[in-house]
């Protein structure tokens, strides 16, 4: 019976330490995935999308693409 009481107290101590450690780990994982989870669109991607939608003509597309390549 005496040993069981110590096990019960140890179980609570594990939870007391485990919960904050898990919270910190989740925050770190969220931060890592937030930055690397979804790739950012580059300027060239945006330019190509505008050209595909017809917002800019071919000459303007080529001029801006050349500017980006410099």
N, C-alpha and C. Protein backbone atom coordinates (compact mmCIF):
# COMPACT_ATOMS: atom_id res chain seq x y z
N UNK A 1 0.82 -1.19 0.00
CA UNK A 1 0.00 0.00 0.00
C UNK A 1 0.87 1.26 0.00
N UNK A 2 1.95 1.23 0.75
CA UNK A 2 2.82 2.40 0.80
C UNK A 2 3.45 2.68 -0.57
N UNK A 3 3.86 1.64 -1.27
CA UNK A 3 4.44 1.80 -2.60
C UNK A 3 3.44 2.33 -3.60
N UNK A 4 2.17 1.96 -3.46
CA UNK A 4 1.13 2.41 -4.38
C UNK A 4 0.92 3.91 -4.27
N UNK A 5 1.02 4.44 -3.05
CA UNK A 5 0.84 5.88 -2.87
C UNK A 5 1.95 6.66 -3.57
N UNK A 6 3.16 6.14 -3.50
CA UNK A 6 4.26 6.82 -4.19
C UNK A 6 4.09 6.75 -5.70
N UNK A 7 3.58 5.64 -6.21
CA UNK A 7 3.34 5.53 -7.65
C UNK A 7 2.30 6.54 -8.09
N UNK A 8 1.26 6.71 -7.29
CA UNK A 8 0.21 7.67 -7.63
C UNK A 8 0.75 9.08 -7.66
N UNK A 9 1.59 9.43 -6.71
CA UNK A 9 2.18 10.77 -6.67
C UNK A 9 3.14 10.94 -7.85
N UNK A 10 3.88 9.90 -8.17
CA UNK A 10 4.80 9.97 -9.30
C UNK A 10 4.06 10.16 -10.62
N UNK A 11 2.89 9.55 -10.74
CA UNK A 11 2.08 9.71 -11.94
C UNK A 11 1.66 11.16 -12.14
N UNK A 12 1.29 11.84 -11.06
CA UNK A 12 0.92 13.26 -11.16
C UNK A 12 2.13 14.11 -11.49
N UNK A 13 3.27 13.76 -10.92
CA UNK A 13 4.48 14.53 -11.21
C UNK A 13 4.86 14.39 -12.69
N UNK A 14 4.68 13.20 -13.23
CA UNK A 14 4.96 13.00 -14.66
C UNK A 14 4.05 13.88 -15.50
N UNK A 15 2.77 13.93 -15.15
CA UNK A 15 1.83 14.78 -15.89
C UNK A 15 2.18 16.25 -15.75
N UNK A 16 2.59 16.64 -14.56
CA UNK A 16 2.94 18.05 -14.32
C UNK A 16 4.10 18.47 -15.22
N UNK A 17 5.07 17.58 -15.44
CA UNK A 17 6.19 17.88 -16.31
C UNK A 17 5.89 17.62 -17.78
N UNK A 18 5.09 16.63 -18.05
CA UNK A 18 4.84 16.22 -19.43
C UNK A 18 3.98 17.24 -20.18
N UNK A 19 2.98 17.80 -19.54
CA UNK A 19 2.08 18.74 -20.22
C UNK A 19 2.83 19.98 -20.72
N UNK A 20 3.63 20.66 -19.89
CA UNK A 20 4.36 21.83 -20.43
C UNK A 20 5.36 21.46 -21.52
N UNK A 21 6.01 20.30 -21.38
CA UNK A 21 6.97 19.88 -22.39
C UNK A 21 6.25 19.65 -23.72
N UNK A 22 5.10 19.01 -23.68
CA UNK A 22 4.33 18.78 -24.91
C UNK A 22 3.84 20.09 -25.52
N UNK A 23 3.44 21.03 -24.68
CA UNK A 23 2.98 22.32 -25.20
C UNK A 23 4.12 23.06 -25.91
N UNK A 24 5.31 23.03 -25.32
CA UNK A 24 6.46 23.68 -25.95
C UNK A 24 6.78 22.99 -27.27
N UNK A 25 6.73 21.67 -27.29
CA UNK A 25 7.01 20.92 -28.53
C UNK A 25 5.99 21.27 -29.61
N UNK A 26 4.73 21.39 -29.24
CA UNK A 26 3.70 21.73 -30.23
C UNK A 26 3.89 23.13 -30.78
N UNK A 27 4.28 24.06 -29.93
CA UNK A 27 4.53 25.43 -30.39
C UNK A 27 5.70 25.45 -31.37
N UNK A 28 6.75 24.70 -31.06
CA UNK A 28 7.91 24.64 -31.95
C UNK A 28 7.52 24.01 -33.28
N UNK A 29 6.79 22.91 -33.25
CA UNK A 29 6.36 22.26 -34.50
C UNK A 29 5.47 23.17 -35.32
N UNK A 30 4.57 23.89 -34.65
CA UNK A 30 3.69 24.82 -35.37
C UNK A 30 4.51 25.92 -36.05
N UNK A 31 5.52 26.40 -35.35
CA UNK A 31 6.38 27.44 -35.93
C UNK A 31 7.16 26.95 -37.12
N UNK A 32 7.65 25.72 -37.04
CA UNK A 32 8.42 25.16 -38.15
C UNK A 32 7.51 24.91 -39.34
N UNK A 33 6.37 24.32 -39.11
CA UNK A 33 5.46 24.03 -40.22
C UNK A 33 4.88 25.30 -40.80
N UNK A 34 4.70 26.33 -39.99
CA UNK A 34 4.17 27.59 -40.49
C UNK A 34 5.09 28.23 -41.50
N UNK A 35 6.39 28.09 -41.27
CA UNK A 35 7.34 28.69 -42.20
C UNK A 35 7.60 27.81 -43.41
N UNK A 36 7.65 26.51 -43.22
CA UNK A 36 8.02 25.63 -44.31
C UNK A 36 6.86 24.83 -44.88
N UNK A 37 5.70 24.92 -44.28
CA UNK A 37 4.58 24.10 -44.72
C UNK A 37 4.07 24.48 -46.10
N UNK A 38 3.95 25.74 -46.35
CA UNK A 38 3.42 26.20 -47.63
C UNK A 38 4.46 27.12 -48.27
N UNK A 39 4.96 26.76 -49.43
CA UNK A 39 5.98 27.60 -50.05
C UNK A 39 5.41 28.93 -50.50
N UNK A 40 6.23 29.95 -50.36
CA UNK A 40 5.81 31.28 -50.79
C UNK A 40 5.88 31.38 -52.31
N UNK A 41 5.02 32.20 -52.86
CA UNK A 41 5.06 32.43 -54.30
C UNK A 41 6.15 33.44 -54.60
N UNK A 42 6.91 33.14 -55.61
CA UNK A 42 7.98 34.06 -56.02
C UNK A 42 7.39 35.14 -56.91
N UNK A 43 8.19 36.16 -57.15
CA UNK A 43 7.75 37.24 -58.04
C UNK A 43 7.49 36.70 -59.45
N UNK A 44 8.31 35.76 -59.86
CA UNK A 44 8.12 35.18 -61.19
C UNK A 44 6.82 34.38 -61.26
N UNK A 45 6.49 33.67 -60.19
CA UNK A 45 5.21 32.94 -60.14
C UNK A 45 4.03 33.89 -60.29
N UNK A 46 4.10 35.00 -59.59
CA UNK A 46 3.02 35.99 -59.65
C UNK A 46 2.93 36.59 -61.05
N UNK A 47 4.10 36.90 -61.63
CA UNK A 47 4.13 37.46 -62.98
C UNK A 47 3.53 36.49 -63.99
N UNK A 48 3.91 35.23 -63.90
CA UNK A 48 3.37 34.22 -64.82
C UNK A 48 1.86 34.05 -64.64
N UNK A 49 1.38 34.13 -63.42
CA UNK A 49 -0.06 34.02 -63.18
C UNK A 49 -0.80 35.21 -63.79
N UNK A 50 -0.23 36.40 -63.66
CA UNK A 50 -0.86 37.59 -64.24
C UNK A 50 -0.91 37.48 -65.77
N UNK A 51 0.16 36.96 -66.35
CA UNK A 51 0.19 36.78 -67.81
C UNK A 51 -0.83 35.72 -68.23
N UNK A 52 -0.93 34.66 -67.48
CA UNK A 52 -1.89 33.59 -67.80
C UNK A 52 -3.33 34.09 -67.70
N UNK A 53 -3.60 34.99 -66.76
CA UNK A 53 -4.95 35.53 -66.62
C UNK A 53 -5.26 36.62 -67.64
N UNK A 54 -4.24 37.07 -68.36
CA UNK A 54 -4.45 38.10 -69.37
C UNK A 54 -4.39 39.51 -68.82
N UNK A 55 -3.87 39.68 -67.63
CA UNK A 55 -3.78 41.02 -67.03
C UNK A 55 -2.69 41.85 -67.69
N UNK A 56 -1.65 41.19 -68.19
CA UNK A 56 -0.57 41.90 -68.88
C UNK A 56 -0.35 41.24 -70.24
N UNK A 57 0.17 42.03 -71.17
CA UNK A 57 0.43 41.46 -72.50
C UNK A 57 1.82 40.83 -72.56
N UNK A 58 2.13 40.24 -73.72
CA UNK A 58 3.38 39.48 -73.86
C UNK A 58 4.60 40.38 -73.72
N UNK A 59 4.55 41.56 -74.31
CA UNK A 59 5.70 42.47 -74.24
C UNK A 59 6.00 42.86 -72.79
N UNK A 60 4.96 43.21 -72.07
CA UNK A 60 5.15 43.60 -70.67
C UNK A 60 5.66 42.41 -69.86
N UNK A 61 5.14 41.22 -70.14
CA UNK A 61 5.59 40.01 -69.44
C UNK A 61 7.09 39.78 -69.68
N UNK A 62 7.50 39.86 -70.94
CA UNK A 62 8.91 39.62 -71.26
C UNK A 62 9.82 40.68 -70.63
N UNK A 63 9.37 41.93 -70.65
CA UNK A 63 10.16 43.01 -70.06
C UNK A 63 10.31 42.80 -68.55
N UNK A 64 9.24 42.50 -67.88
CA UNK A 64 9.31 42.30 -66.43
C UNK A 64 10.08 41.04 -66.06
N UNK A 65 9.94 40.00 -66.87
CA UNK A 65 10.70 38.77 -66.60
C UNK A 65 12.20 39.04 -66.74
N UNK A 66 12.57 39.85 -67.72
CA UNK A 66 13.98 40.21 -67.90
C UNK A 66 14.47 41.04 -66.70
N UNK A 67 13.62 41.92 -66.22
CA UNK A 67 13.98 42.71 -65.03
C UNK A 67 14.22 41.82 -63.81
N UNK A 68 13.39 40.81 -63.68
CA UNK A 68 13.52 39.91 -62.53
C UNK A 68 14.78 39.04 -62.64
N UNK A 69 15.19 38.74 -63.86
CA UNK A 69 16.34 37.87 -64.07
C UNK A 69 17.65 38.57 -63.73
N UNK A 70 17.67 39.88 -63.71
CA UNK A 70 18.90 40.63 -63.44
C UNK A 70 19.36 40.48 -62.02
